[in-house]
């Protein structure tokens, strides 16, 4: 849940990236909610590229922002 004034920040943080080894997509799910999905080639790279996570966690200090970070992996067959 985000205050409307924070949307410009979230859109800047979550702007779509589609590079060879990094992908990031922002999904807006409602007037005041969204989620960002990032894909990395491996967990080592993900651990080094934490700018998006740090920026979103910074928003949790805003009175209207609730930020949840989840980690997972895709099993390739």
C-alpha atoms as a PDB file:
ATOM      1  CA  UNK A   1       0.000   0.000   0.000  1.00  0.00           C
ATOM      2  CA  UNK A   2       1.497   3.288  -1.066  1.00  0.00           C
ATOM      3  CA  UNK A   3       0.493   6.896  -0.823  1.00  0.00           C
ATOM      4  CA  UNK A   4      -0.266   8.339  -4.282  1.00  0.00           C
ATOM      5  CA  UNK A   5       2.665  10.739  -3.908  1.00  0.00           C
ATOM      6  CA  UNK A   6       5.078   7.770  -3.856  1.00  0.00           C
ATOM      7  CA  UNK A   7       4.041   6.332  -7.236  1.00  0.00           C
ATOM      8  CA  UNK A   8       6.578   8.368  -9.194  1.00  0.00           C
ATOM      9  CA  UNK A   9       9.320   6.954  -6.952  1.00  0.00           C
ATOM     10  CA  UNK A  10       8.079   3.368  -7.294  1.00  0.00           C
ATOM     11  CA  UNK A  11       7.800   3.696 -11.069  1.00  0.00           C
ATOM     12  CA  UNK A  12      11.366   5.029 -11.239  1.00  0.00           C
ATOM     13  CA  UNK A  13      12.674   2.252  -8.975  1.00  0.00           C
ATOM     14  CA  UNK A  14      10.717  -0.499 -10.701  1.00  0.00           C
ATOM     15  CA  UNK A  15      11.153   0.625 -14.282  1.00  0.00           C
ATOM     16  CA  UNK A  16      11.278  -2.353 -16.604  1.00  0.00           C
ATOM     17  CA  UNK A  17      14.692  -3.779 -17.459  1.00  0.00           C
ATOM     18  CA  UNK A  18      15.144  -6.528 -20.011  1.00  0.00           C
ATOM     19  CA  UNK A  19      18.826  -7.236 -20.442  1.00  0.00           C
ATOM     20  CA  UNK A  20      20.560 -10.516 -21.154  1.00  0.00           C
ATOM     21  CA  UNK A  21      21.098 -11.530 -17.523  1.00  0.00           C
ATOM     22  CA  UNK A  22      18.846  -9.119 -15.602  1.00  0.00           C
ATOM     23  CA  UNK A  23      15.107  -8.651 -15.871  1.00  0.00           C
ATOM     24  CA  UNK A  24      12.882  -6.401 -13.765  1.00  0.00           C
ATOM     25  CA  UNK A  25       9.177  -5.770 -14.211  1.00  0.00           C
ATOM     26  CA  UNK A  26       6.786  -3.538 -12.274  1.00  0.00           C
ATOM     27  CA  UNK A  27       3.184  -4.739 -12.003  1.00  0.00           C
ATOM     28  CA  UNK A  28       0.587  -2.280 -10.724  1.00  0.00           C
ATOM     29  CA  UNK A  29      -2.181  -4.315  -9.099  1.00  0.00           C
ATOM     30  CA  UNK A  30      -4.408  -1.510  -7.852  1.00  0.00           C
ATOM     31  CA  UNK A  31      -4.643   2.196  -7.171  1.00  0.00           C
ATOM     32  CA  UNK A  32      -2.148   1.958  -4.325  1.00  0.00           C
ATOM     33  CA  UNK A  33      -0.420  -1.402  -4.665  1.00  0.00           C
ATOM     34  CA  UNK A  34       2.108  -3.057  -6.940  1.00  0.00           C
ATOM     35  CA  UNK A  35       4.886  -5.587  -7.023  1.00  0.00           C
ATOM     36  CA  UNK A  36       8.280  -5.776  -8.671  1.00  0.00           C
ATOM     37  CA  UNK A  37       9.777  -9.019  -9.924  1.00  0.00           C
ATOM     38  CA  UNK A  38      13.491  -9.274 -10.636  1.00  0.00           C
ATOM     39  CA  UNK A  39      15.245 -12.206 -12.298  1.00  0.00           C
ATOM     40  CA  UNK A  40      18.995 -12.755 -12.131  1.00  0.00           C
ATOM     41  CA  UNK A  41      21.233 -15.372 -13.701  1.00  0.00           C
ATOM     42  CA  UNK A  42      22.253 -16.754 -10.293  1.00  0.00           C
ATOM     43  CA  UNK A  43      22.018 -16.062  -6.576  1.00  0.00           C
ATOM     44  CA  UNK A  44      25.511 -14.544  -6.427  1.00  0.00           C
ATOM     45  CA  UNK A  45      24.578 -11.844  -8.920  1.00  0.00           C
ATOM     46  CA  UNK A  46      21.272 -11.256  -7.126  1.00  0.00           C
ATOM     47  CA  UNK A  47      23.138 -10.752  -3.859  1.00  0.00           C
ATOM     48  CA  UNK A  48      25.289  -8.062  -5.454  1.00  0.00           C
ATOM     49  CA  UNK A  49      22.467  -6.194  -7.222  1.00  0.00           C
ATOM     50  CA  UNK A  50      20.335  -5.067  -4.310  1.00  0.00           C
ATOM     51  CA  UNK A  51      19.681  -1.459  -5.341  1.00  0.00           C
ATOM     52  CA  UNK A  52      15.984  -2.063  -6.049  1.00  0.00           C
ATOM     53  CA  UNK A  53      15.479  -3.886  -2.755  1.00  0.00           C
ATOM     54  CA  UNK A  54      17.256  -1.171  -0.775  1.00  0.00           C
ATOM     55  CA  UNK A  55      15.259   1.577  -2.462  1.00  0.00           C
ATOM     56  CA  UNK A  56      11.935  -0.160  -1.781  1.00  0.00           C
ATOM     57  CA  UNK A  57      12.875  -0.881   1.821  1.00  0.00           C
ATOM     58  CA  UNK A  58      13.616   2.836   2.176  1.00  0.00           C
ATOM     59  CA  UNK A  59       9.981   3.532   1.310  1.00  0.00           C
ATOM     60  CA  UNK A  60       8.814   1.425   4.259  1.00  0.00           C
ATOM     61  CA  UNK A  61       9.855   4.329   6.470  1.00  0.00           C
ATOM     62  CA  UNK A  62       7.108   6.420   4.850  1.00  0.00           C
ATOM     63  CA  UNK A  63       3.925   6.411   6.900  1.00  0.00           C
ATOM     64  CA  UNK A  64       1.809   5.003   4.080  1.00  0.00           C
ATOM     65  CA  UNK A  65       4.196   2.413   2.638  1.00  0.00           C
ATOM     66  CA  UNK A  66       4.190  -1.279   3.499  1.00  0.00           C
ATOM     67  CA  UNK A  67       7.028  -3.165   1.820  1.00  0.00           C
ATOM     68  CA  UNK A  68       7.553  -6.922   1.772  1.00  0.00           C
ATOM     69  CA  UNK A  69      10.652  -8.559   0.262  1.00  0.00           C
ATOM     70  CA  UNK A  70      10.459 -12.200  -0.828  1.00  0.00           C
ATOM     71  CA  UNK A  71      13.179 -14.372  -2.302  1.00  0.00           C
ATOM     72  CA  UNK A  72      12.829 -17.466  -4.402  1.00  0.00           C
ATOM     73  CA  UNK A  73      14.289 -19.353  -7.298  1.00  0.00           C
ATOM     74  CA  UNK A  74      13.130 -20.890 -10.546  1.00  0.00           C
ATOM     75  CA  UNK A  75      14.023 -24.488 -11.154  1.00  0.00           C
ATOM     76  CA  UNK A  76      15.059 -25.004 -14.759  1.00  0.00           C
ATOM     77  CA  UNK A  77      14.336 -28.415 -16.240  1.00  0.00           C
END
